mmCIF file of all heavy atoms, coordinates in Angstrom:
data_MODEL
# 
_entry.id   MODEL 
# 
loop_
_atom_site.group_PDB 
_atom_site.id 
_atom_site.type_symbol 
_atom_site.label_atom_id 
_atom_site.label_alt_id 
_atom_site.label_comp_id 
_atom_site.label_asym_id 
_atom_site.label_entity_id 
_atom_site.label_seq_id 
_atom_site.pdbx_PDB_ins_code 
_atom_site.Cartn_x 
_atom_site.Cartn_y 
_atom_site.Cartn_z 
_atom_site.occupancy 
_atom_site.B_iso_or_equiv 
_atom_site.pdbx_formal_charge 
_atom_site.auth_seq_id 
_atom_site.auth_comp_id 
_atom_site.auth_asym_id 
_atom_site.auth_atom_id 
_atom_site.pdbx_PDB_model_num 
ATOM 1   N N   . VAL A 1 1  ? -7.569  -1.571  6.652   1.00 0.00 ? 1  VAL A N   1 
ATOM 2   C CA  . VAL A 1 1  ? -7.275  -1.372  5.228   1.00 0.00 ? 1  VAL A CA  1 
ATOM 3   C C   . VAL A 1 1  ? -8.291  -0.458  4.603   1.00 0.00 ? 1  VAL A C   1 
ATOM 4   O O   . VAL A 1 1  ? -9.557  -0.625  4.773   1.00 0.00 ? 1  VAL A O   1 
ATOM 5   C CB  . VAL A 1 1  ? -7.239  -2.694  4.545   1.00 0.00 ? 1  VAL A CB  1 
ATOM 6   C CG1 . VAL A 1 1  ? -7.102  -2.387  2.964   1.00 0.00 ? 1  VAL A CG1 1 
ATOM 7   C CG2 . VAL A 1 1  ? -6.069  -3.571  4.917   1.00 0.00 ? 1  VAL A CG2 1 
ATOM 8   N N   . GLN A 1 2  ? -7.876  0.536   3.897   1.00 0.00 ? 2  GLN A N   1 
ATOM 9   C CA  . GLN A 1 2  ? -8.780  1.410   3.120   1.00 0.00 ? 2  GLN A CA  1 
ATOM 10  C C   . GLN A 1 2  ? -8.280  1.465   1.715   1.00 0.00 ? 2  GLN A C   1 
ATOM 11  O O   . GLN A 1 2  ? -7.078  1.571   1.511   1.00 0.00 ? 2  GLN A O   1 
ATOM 12  C CB  . GLN A 1 2  ? -8.842  2.840   3.666   1.00 0.00 ? 2  GLN A CB  1 
ATOM 13  C CG  . GLN A 1 2  ? -9.478  2.953   5.067   1.00 0.00 ? 2  GLN A CG  1 
ATOM 14  C CD  . GLN A 1 2  ? -8.412  2.957   6.192   1.00 0.00 ? 2  GLN A CD  1 
ATOM 15  O OE1 . GLN A 1 2  ? -7.393  3.560   5.993   1.00 0.00 ? 2  GLN A OE1 1 
ATOM 16  N NE2 . GLN A 1 2  ? -8.721  2.322   7.286   1.00 0.00 ? 2  GLN A NE2 1 
ATOM 17  N N   . VAL A 1 3  ? -9.221  1.502   0.759   1.00 0.00 ? 3  VAL A N   1 
ATOM 18  C CA  . VAL A 1 3  ? -8.817  1.698   -0.651  1.00 0.00 ? 3  VAL A CA  1 
ATOM 19  C C   . VAL A 1 3  ? -9.741  2.715   -1.363  1.00 0.00 ? 3  VAL A C   1 
ATOM 20  O O   . VAL A 1 3  ? -10.829 2.892   -0.968  1.00 0.00 ? 3  VAL A O   1 
ATOM 21  C CB  . VAL A 1 3  ? -8.900  0.361   -1.487  1.00 0.00 ? 3  VAL A CB  1 
ATOM 22  C CG1 . VAL A 1 3  ? -8.016  -0.774  -0.873  1.00 0.00 ? 3  VAL A CG1 1 
ATOM 23  C CG2 . VAL A 1 3  ? -10.382 -0.150  -1.579  1.00 0.00 ? 3  VAL A CG2 1 
ATOM 24  N N   . VAL A 1 4  ? -9.156  3.450   -2.286  1.00 0.00 ? 4  VAL A N   1 
ATOM 25  C CA  . VAL A 1 4  ? -9.939  4.304   -3.203  1.00 0.00 ? 4  VAL A CA  1 
ATOM 26  C C   . VAL A 1 4  ? -9.645  3.870   -4.538  1.00 0.00 ? 4  VAL A C   1 
ATOM 27  O O   . VAL A 1 4  ? -8.585  4.016   -5.079  1.00 0.00 ? 4  VAL A O   1 
ATOM 28  C CB  . VAL A 1 4  ? -9.526  5.798   -2.942  1.00 0.00 ? 4  VAL A CB  1 
ATOM 29  C CG1 . VAL A 1 4  ? -10.334 6.694   -3.775  1.00 0.00 ? 4  VAL A CG1 1 
ATOM 30  C CG2 . VAL A 1 4  ? -9.640  6.196   -1.465  1.00 0.00 ? 4  VAL A CG2 1 
ATOM 31  N N   . LEU A 1 5  ? -10.699 3.303   -5.234  1.00 0.00 ? 5  LEU A N   1 
ATOM 32  C CA  . LEU A 1 5  ? -10.452 2.874   -6.572  1.00 0.00 ? 5  LEU A CA  1 
ATOM 33  C C   . LEU A 1 5  ? -10.096 3.927   -7.644  1.00 0.00 ? 5  LEU A C   1 
ATOM 34  O O   . LEU A 1 5  ? -9.248  3.764   -8.422  1.00 0.00 ? 5  LEU A O   1 
ATOM 35  C CB  . LEU A 1 5  ? -11.697 2.071   -7.150  1.00 0.00 ? 5  LEU A CB  1 
ATOM 36  C CG  . LEU A 1 5  ? -12.141 0.811   -6.463  1.00 0.00 ? 5  LEU A CG  1 
ATOM 37  C CD1 . LEU A 1 5  ? -13.213 0.188   -7.238  1.00 0.00 ? 5  LEU A CD1 1 
ATOM 38  C CD2 . LEU A 1 5  ? -10.950 -0.157  -6.401  1.00 0.00 ? 5  LEU A CD2 1 
ATOM 39  N N   . ASP A 1 6  ? -10.729 5.091   -7.347  1.00 0.00 ? 6  ASP A N   1 
ATOM 40  C CA  . ASP A 1 6  ? -10.577 6.190   -8.297  1.00 0.00 ? 6  ASP A CA  1 
ATOM 41  C C   . ASP A 1 6  ? -9.487  7.216   -7.771  1.00 0.00 ? 6  ASP A C   1 
ATOM 42  O O   . ASP A 1 6  ? -9.694  8.394   -7.674  1.00 0.00 ? 6  ASP A O   1 
ATOM 43  C CB  . ASP A 1 6  ? -11.906 6.925   -8.531  1.00 0.00 ? 6  ASP A CB  1 
ATOM 44  C CG  . ASP A 1 6  ? -12.926 5.976   -8.953  1.00 0.00 ? 6  ASP A CG  1 
ATOM 45  O OD1 . ASP A 1 6  ? -12.749 5.401   -10.059 1.00 0.00 ? 6  ASP A OD1 1 
ATOM 46  O OD2 . ASP A 1 6  ? -13.906 5.817   -8.272  1.00 0.00 ? 6  ASP A OD2 1 
ATOM 47  N N   . GLY A 1 7  ? -8.346  6.593   -7.390  1.00 0.00 ? 7  GLY A N   1 
ATOM 48  C CA  . GLY A 1 7  ? -7.285  7.358   -6.683  1.00 0.00 ? 7  GLY A CA  1 
ATOM 49  C C   . GLY A 1 7  ? -6.151  7.765   -7.674  1.00 0.00 ? 7  GLY A C   1 
ATOM 50  O O   . GLY A 1 7  ? -6.387  7.792   -8.954  1.00 0.00 ? 7  GLY A O   1 
ATOM 51  N N   . THR A 1 8  ? -4.996  8.013   -7.100  1.00 0.00 ? 8  THR A N   1 
ATOM 52  C CA  . THR A 1 8  ? -3.853  8.364   -7.845  1.00 0.00 ? 8  THR A CA  1 
ATOM 53  C C   . THR A 1 8  ? -2.601  7.557   -7.547  1.00 0.00 ? 8  THR A C   1 
ATOM 54  O O   . THR A 1 8  ? -1.536  7.830   -7.922  1.00 0.00 ? 8  THR A O   1 
ATOM 55  C CB  . THR A 1 8  ? -3.531  9.856   -7.603  1.00 0.00 ? 8  THR A CB  1 
ATOM 56  O OG1 . THR A 1 8  ? -3.353  10.021  -6.208  1.00 0.00 ? 8  THR A OG1 1 
ATOM 57  C CG2 . THR A 1 8  ? -4.615  10.765  -8.138  1.00 0.00 ? 8  THR A CG2 1 
ATOM 58  N N   . GLY A 1 9  ? -2.833  6.435   -6.752  1.00 0.00 ? 9  GLY A N   1 
ATOM 59  C CA  . GLY A 1 9  ? -1.736  5.644   -6.422  1.00 0.00 ? 9  GLY A CA  1 
ATOM 60  C C   . GLY A 1 9  ? -0.993  6.039   -5.172  1.00 0.00 ? 9  GLY A C   1 
ATOM 61  O O   . GLY A 1 9  ? 0.252   5.759   -5.015  1.00 0.00 ? 9  GLY A O   1 
ATOM 62  N N   . VAL A 1 10 ? -1.684  6.655   -4.277  1.00 0.00 ? 10 VAL A N   1 
ATOM 63  C CA  . VAL A 1 10 ? -1.143  7.149   -3.003  1.00 0.00 ? 10 VAL A CA  1 
ATOM 64  C C   . VAL A 1 10 ? -1.222  5.934   -1.994  1.00 0.00 ? 10 VAL A C   1 
ATOM 65  O O   . VAL A 1 10 ? -2.259  5.308   -1.889  1.00 0.00 ? 10 VAL A O   1 
ATOM 66  C CB  . VAL A 1 10 ? -1.866  8.348   -2.390  1.00 0.00 ? 10 VAL A CB  1 
ATOM 67  C CG1 . VAL A 1 10 ? -1.354  8.714   -1.043  1.00 0.00 ? 10 VAL A CG1 1 
ATOM 68  C CG2 . VAL A 1 10 ? -1.780  9.546   -3.355  1.00 0.00 ? 10 VAL A CG2 1 
ATOM 69  N N   . PHE A 1 11 ? -0.139  5.732   -1.300  1.00 0.00 ? 11 PHE A N   1 
ATOM 70  C CA  . PHE A 1 11 ? -0.140  4.523   -0.364  1.00 0.00 ? 11 PHE A CA  1 
ATOM 71  C C   . PHE A 1 11 ? 0.446   4.951   1.020   1.00 0.00 ? 11 PHE A C   1 
ATOM 72  O O   . PHE A 1 11 ? 1.298   5.828   1.111   1.00 0.00 ? 11 PHE A O   1 
ATOM 73  C CB  . PHE A 1 11 ? 0.665   3.416   -0.909  1.00 0.00 ? 11 PHE A CB  1 
ATOM 74  C CG  . PHE A 1 11 ? 1.974   3.725   -1.469  1.00 0.00 ? 11 PHE A CG  1 
ATOM 75  C CD1 . PHE A 1 11 ? 3.039   3.856   -0.493  1.00 0.00 ? 11 PHE A CD1 1 
ATOM 76  C CD2 . PHE A 1 11 ? 2.236   3.953   -2.729  1.00 0.00 ? 11 PHE A CD2 1 
ATOM 77  C CE1 . PHE A 1 11 ? 4.361   4.155   -0.923  1.00 0.00 ? 11 PHE A CE1 1 
ATOM 78  C CE2 . PHE A 1 11 ? 3.545   4.272   -3.219  1.00 0.00 ? 11 PHE A CE2 1 
ATOM 79  C CZ  . PHE A 1 11 ? 4.519   4.380   -2.303  1.00 0.00 ? 11 PHE A CZ  1 
ATOM 80  N N   . ASP A 1 12 ? -0.008  4.225   2.009   1.00 0.00 ? 12 ASP A N   1 
ATOM 81  C CA  . ASP A 1 12 ? 0.504   4.220   3.361   1.00 0.00 ? 12 ASP A CA  1 
ATOM 82  C C   . ASP A 1 12 ? 0.440   2.871   3.966   1.00 0.00 ? 12 ASP A C   1 
ATOM 83  O O   . ASP A 1 12 ? -0.621  2.416   4.375   1.00 0.00 ? 12 ASP A O   1 
ATOM 84  C CB  . ASP A 1 12 ? -0.236  5.245   4.227   1.00 0.00 ? 12 ASP A CB  1 
ATOM 85  C CG  . ASP A 1 12 ? 0.324   5.373   5.670   1.00 0.00 ? 12 ASP A CG  1 
ATOM 86  O OD1 . ASP A 1 12 ? 1.351   4.766   5.898   1.00 0.00 ? 12 ASP A OD1 1 
ATOM 87  O OD2 . ASP A 1 12 ? -0.377  6.017   6.474   1.00 0.00 ? 12 ASP A OD2 1 
ATOM 88  N N   . VAL A 1 13 ? 1.509   2.109   3.866   1.00 0.00 ? 13 VAL A N   1 
ATOM 89  C CA  . VAL A 1 13 ? 1.489   0.660   4.084   1.00 0.00 ? 13 VAL A CA  1 
ATOM 90  C C   . VAL A 1 13 ? 2.499   0.344   5.236   1.00 0.00 ? 13 VAL A C   1 
ATOM 91  O O   . VAL A 1 13 ? 3.716   0.703   5.117   1.00 0.00 ? 13 VAL A O   1 
ATOM 92  C CB  . VAL A 1 13 ? 1.883   -0.143  2.816   1.00 0.00 ? 13 VAL A CB  1 
ATOM 93  C CG1 . VAL A 1 13 ? 1.858   -1.602  3.120   1.00 0.00 ? 13 VAL A CG1 1 
ATOM 94  C CG2 . VAL A 1 13 ? 0.923   0.193   1.695   1.00 0.00 ? 13 VAL A CG2 1 
ATOM 95  N N   . ALA A 1 14 ? 2.027   -0.353  6.241   1.00 0.00 ? 14 ALA A N   1 
ATOM 96  C CA  . ALA A 1 14 ? 2.937   -0.878  7.294   1.00 0.00 ? 14 ALA A CA  1 
ATOM 97  C C   . ALA A 1 14 ? 2.358   -2.222  7.812   1.00 0.00 ? 14 ALA A C   1 
ATOM 98  O O   . ALA A 1 14 ? 1.405   -2.255  8.576   1.00 0.00 ? 14 ALA A O   1 
ATOM 99  C CB  . ALA A 1 14 ? 3.021   0.157   8.400   1.00 0.00 ? 14 ALA A CB  1 
ATOM 100 N N   . THR A 1 15 ? 2.992   -3.322  7.324   1.00 0.00 ? 15 THR A N   1 
ATOM 101 C CA  . THR A 1 15 ? 2.535   -4.614  7.670   1.00 0.00 ? 15 THR A CA  1 
ATOM 102 C C   . THR A 1 15 ? 3.430   -5.318  8.763   1.00 0.00 ? 15 THR A C   1 
ATOM 103 O O   . THR A 1 15 ? 3.063   -6.357  9.263   1.00 0.00 ? 15 THR A O   1 
ATOM 104 C CB  . THR A 1 15 ? 2.375   -5.530  6.388   1.00 0.00 ? 15 THR A CB  1 
ATOM 105 O OG1 . THR A 1 15 ? 3.823   -5.792  5.921   1.00 0.00 ? 15 THR A OG1 1 
ATOM 106 C CG2 . THR A 1 15 ? 1.551   -4.923  5.402   1.00 0.00 ? 15 THR A CG2 1 
ATOM 107 N N   . GLY A 1 16 ? 4.619   -4.720  8.960   1.00 0.00 ? 16 GLY A N   1 
ATOM 108 C CA  . GLY A 1 16 ? 5.635   -5.420  9.770   1.00 0.00 ? 16 GLY A CA  1 
ATOM 109 C C   . GLY A 1 16 ? 6.484   -6.291  8.970   1.00 0.00 ? 16 GLY A C   1 
ATOM 110 O O   . GLY A 1 16 ? 7.484   -6.821  9.541   1.00 0.00 ? 16 GLY A O   1 
ATOM 111 N N   . ILE A 1 17 ? 6.273   -6.470  7.706   1.00 0.00 ? 17 ILE A N   1 
ATOM 112 C CA  . ILE A 1 17 ? 7.108   -7.195  6.757   1.00 0.00 ? 17 ILE A CA  1 
ATOM 113 C C   . ILE A 1 17 ? 7.544   -6.307  5.675   1.00 0.00 ? 17 ILE A C   1 
ATOM 114 O O   . ILE A 1 17 ? 6.740   -5.894  4.800   1.00 0.00 ? 17 ILE A O   1 
ATOM 115 C CB  . ILE A 1 17 ? 6.374   -8.458  6.229   1.00 0.00 ? 17 ILE A CB  1 
ATOM 116 C CG1 . ILE A 1 17 ? 5.773   -9.320  7.369   1.00 0.00 ? 17 ILE A CG1 1 
ATOM 117 C CG2 . ILE A 1 17 ? 7.321   -9.259  5.316   1.00 0.00 ? 17 ILE A CG2 1 
ATOM 118 C CD1 . ILE A 1 17 ? 4.864   -10.414 6.912   1.00 0.00 ? 17 ILE A CD1 1 
ATOM 119 N N   . GLY A 1 18 ? 8.791   -5.898  5.643   1.00 0.00 ? 18 GLY A N   1 
ATOM 120 C CA  . GLY A 1 18 ? 9.274   -4.846  4.766   1.00 0.00 ? 18 GLY A CA  1 
ATOM 121 C C   . GLY A 1 18 ? 9.046   -5.165  3.329   1.00 0.00 ? 18 GLY A C   1 
ATOM 122 O O   . GLY A 1 18 ? 8.610   -4.329  2.515   1.00 0.00 ? 18 GLY A O   1 
ATOM 123 N N   . PHE A 1 19 ? 9.299   -6.460  2.886   1.00 0.00 ? 19 PHE A N   1 
ATOM 124 C CA  . PHE A 1 19 ? 9.187   -6.739  1.478   1.00 0.00 ? 19 PHE A CA  1 
ATOM 125 C C   . PHE A 1 19 ? 7.661   -6.788  1.038   1.00 0.00 ? 19 PHE A C   1 
ATOM 126 O O   . PHE A 1 19 ? 7.346   -6.334  -0.067  1.00 0.00 ? 19 PHE A O   1 
ATOM 127 C CB  . PHE A 1 19 ? 9.780   -8.129  1.204   1.00 0.00 ? 19 PHE A CB  1 
ATOM 128 C CG  . PHE A 1 19 ? 10.031  -8.295  -0.289  1.00 0.00 ? 19 PHE A CG  1 
ATOM 129 C CD1 . PHE A 1 19 ? 11.327  -7.927  -0.854  1.00 0.00 ? 19 PHE A CD1 1 
ATOM 130 C CD2 . PHE A 1 19 ? 9.124   -8.908  -1.142  1.00 0.00 ? 19 PHE A CD2 1 
ATOM 131 C CE1 . PHE A 1 19 ? 11.540  -7.979  -2.173  1.00 0.00 ? 19 PHE A CE1 1 
ATOM 132 C CE2 . PHE A 1 19 ? 9.405   -9.040  -2.487  1.00 0.00 ? 19 PHE A CE2 1 
ATOM 133 C CZ  . PHE A 1 19 ? 10.580  -8.540  -3.004  1.00 0.00 ? 19 PHE A CZ  1 
ATOM 134 N N   . LEU A 1 20 ? 6.804   -7.190  1.925   1.00 0.00 ? 20 LEU A N   1 
ATOM 135 C CA  . LEU A 1 20 ? 5.418   -7.145  1.630   1.00 0.00 ? 20 LEU A CA  1 
ATOM 136 C C   . LEU A 1 20 ? 4.945   -5.698  1.451   1.00 0.00 ? 20 LEU A C   1 
ATOM 137 O O   . LEU A 1 20 ? 4.118   -5.372  0.550   1.00 0.00 ? 20 LEU A O   1 
ATOM 138 C CB  . LEU A 1 20 ? 4.571   -7.880  2.722   1.00 0.00 ? 20 LEU A CB  1 
ATOM 139 C CG  . LEU A 1 20 ? 2.976   -7.879  2.451   1.00 0.00 ? 20 LEU A CG  1 
ATOM 140 C CD1 . LEU A 1 20 ? 2.667   -8.539  1.186   1.00 0.00 ? 20 LEU A CD1 1 
ATOM 141 C CD2 . LEU A 1 20 ? 2.363   -8.525  3.744   1.00 0.00 ? 20 LEU A CD2 1 
ATOM 142 N N   . ASP A 1 21 ? 5.387   -4.737  2.359   1.00 0.00 ? 21 ASP A N   1 
ATOM 143 C CA  . ASP A 1 21 ? 5.087   -3.362  2.220   1.00 0.00 ? 21 ASP A CA  1 
ATOM 144 C C   . ASP A 1 21 ? 5.474   -2.883  0.837   1.00 0.00 ? 21 ASP A C   1 
ATOM 145 O O   . ASP A 1 21 ? 4.709   -2.175  0.158   1.00 0.00 ? 21 ASP A O   1 
ATOM 146 C CB  . ASP A 1 21 ? 5.845   -2.534  3.221   1.00 0.00 ? 21 ASP A CB  1 
ATOM 147 C CG  . ASP A 1 21 ? 5.476   -2.718  4.622   1.00 0.00 ? 21 ASP A CG  1 
ATOM 148 O OD1 . ASP A 1 21 ? 4.413   -3.397  4.860   1.00 0.00 ? 21 ASP A OD1 1 
ATOM 149 O OD2 . ASP A 1 21 ? 6.074   -2.223  5.577   1.00 0.00 ? 21 ASP A OD2 1 
ATOM 150 N N   . HIS A 1 22 ? 6.604   -3.234  0.428   1.00 0.00 ? 22 HIS A N   1 
ATOM 151 C CA  . HIS A 1 22 ? 7.206   -2.819  -0.942  1.00 0.00 ? 22 HIS A CA  1 
ATOM 152 C C   . HIS A 1 22 ? 6.248   -3.342  -2.090  1.00 0.00 ? 22 HIS A C   1 
ATOM 153 O O   . HIS A 1 22 ? 5.978   -2.560  -3.054  1.00 0.00 ? 22 HIS A O   1 
ATOM 154 C CB  . HIS A 1 22 ? 8.552   -3.419  -1.077  1.00 0.00 ? 22 HIS A CB  1 
ATOM 155 C CG  . HIS A 1 22 ? 9.287   -3.000  -2.342  1.00 0.00 ? 22 HIS A CG  1 
ATOM 156 N ND1 . HIS A 1 22 ? 9.212   -1.777  -2.974  1.00 0.00 ? 22 HIS A ND1 1 
ATOM 157 C CD2 . HIS A 1 22 ? 10.004  -3.803  -3.249  1.00 0.00 ? 22 HIS A CD2 1 
ATOM 158 C CE1 . HIS A 1 22 ? 9.921   -1.748  -4.081  1.00 0.00 ? 22 HIS A CE1 1 
ATOM 159 N NE2 . HIS A 1 22 ? 10.397  -2.995  -4.323  1.00 0.00 ? 22 HIS A NE2 1 
ATOM 160 N N   . MET A 1 23 ? 5.764   -4.565  -1.920  1.00 0.00 ? 23 MET A N   1 
ATOM 161 C CA  . MET A 1 23 ? 4.862   -5.094  -3.042  1.00 0.00 ? 23 MET A CA  1 
ATOM 162 C C   . MET A 1 23 ? 3.523   -4.425  -3.032  1.00 0.00 ? 23 MET A C   1 
ATOM 163 O O   . MET A 1 23 ? 3.012   -4.172  -4.095  1.00 0.00 ? 23 MET A O   1 
ATOM 164 C CB  . MET A 1 23 ? 4.802   -6.642  -2.860  1.00 0.00 ? 23 MET A CB  1 
ATOM 165 C CG  . MET A 1 23 ? 6.115   -7.400  -3.125  1.00 0.00 ? 23 MET A CG  1 
ATOM 166 S SD  . MET A 1 23 ? 6.776   -7.044  -4.886  1.00 0.00 ? 23 MET A SD  1 
ATOM 167 C CE  . MET A 1 23 ? 8.065   -5.932  -4.487  1.00 0.00 ? 23 MET A CE  1 
ATOM 168 N N   . VAL A 1 24 ? 2.953   -4.257  -1.879  1.00 0.00 ? 24 VAL A N   1 
ATOM 169 C CA  . VAL A 1 24 ? 1.626   -3.542  -1.779  1.00 0.00 ? 24 VAL A CA  1 
ATOM 170 C C   . VAL A 1 24 ? 1.792   -2.155  -2.297  1.00 0.00 ? 24 VAL A C   1 
ATOM 171 O O   . VAL A 1 24 ? 0.889   -1.598  -2.951  1.00 0.00 ? 24 VAL A O   1 
ATOM 172 C CB  . VAL A 1 24 ? 1.022   -3.652  -0.337  1.00 0.00 ? 24 VAL A CB  1 
ATOM 173 C CG1 . VAL A 1 24 ? -0.252  -2.849  -0.325  1.00 0.00 ? 24 VAL A CG1 1 
ATOM 174 C CG2 . VAL A 1 24 ? 0.802   -5.095  0.060   1.00 0.00 ? 24 VAL A CG2 1 
ATOM 175 N N   . GLU A 1 25 ? 2.843   -1.439  -1.993  1.00 0.00 ? 25 GLU A N   1 
ATOM 176 C CA  . GLU A 1 25 ? 3.145   -0.086  -2.537  1.00 0.00 ? 25 GLU A CA  1 
ATOM 177 C C   . GLU A 1 25 ? 3.205   -0.150  -4.047  1.00 0.00 ? 25 GLU A C   1 
ATOM 178 O O   . GLU A 1 25 ? 2.661   0.695   -4.742  1.00 0.00 ? 25 GLU A O   1 
ATOM 179 C CB  . GLU A 1 25 ? 4.404   0.461   -1.866  1.00 0.00 ? 25 GLU A CB  1 
ATOM 180 C CG  . GLU A 1 25 ? 4.244   0.791   -0.394  1.00 0.00 ? 25 GLU A CG  1 
ATOM 181 C CD  . GLU A 1 25 ? 5.563   0.933   0.268   1.00 0.00 ? 25 GLU A CD  1 
ATOM 182 O OE1 . GLU A 1 25 ? 6.612   0.838   -0.356  1.00 0.00 ? 25 GLU A OE1 1 
ATOM 183 O OE2 . GLU A 1 25 ? 5.595   1.277   1.507   1.00 0.00 ? 25 GLU A OE2 1 
ATOM 184 N N   . GLN A 1 26 ? 3.905   -1.173  -4.572  1.00 0.00 ? 26 GLN A N   1 
ATOM 185 C CA  . GLN A 1 26 ? 3.984   -1.281  -6.035  1.00 0.00 ? 26 GLN A CA  1 
ATOM 186 C C   . GLN A 1 26 ? 2.580   -1.505  -6.603  1.00 0.00 ? 26 GLN A C   1 
ATOM 187 O O   . GLN A 1 26 ? 2.211   -0.863  -7.603  1.00 0.00 ? 26 GLN A O   1 
ATOM 188 C CB  . GLN A 1 26 ? 4.834   -2.459  -6.403  1.00 0.00 ? 26 GLN A CB  1 
ATOM 189 C CG  . GLN A 1 26 ? 6.319   -2.284  -6.044  1.00 0.00 ? 26 GLN A CG  1 
ATOM 190 C CD  . GLN A 1 26 ? 7.031   -1.146  -6.890  1.00 0.00 ? 26 GLN A CD  1 
ATOM 191 O OE1 . GLN A 1 26 ? 6.467   -0.762  -7.942  1.00 0.00 ? 26 GLN A OE1 1 
ATOM 192 N NE2 . GLN A 1 26 ? 8.168   -0.781  -6.440  1.00 0.00 ? 26 GLN A NE2 1 
# 
């Protein structure tokens, strides 16, 4: 996992659980 606090809301998420991906992307 990597985060950038001063970002623009760019995401690349793959947990193997589609709905969790959707929520982390939100």
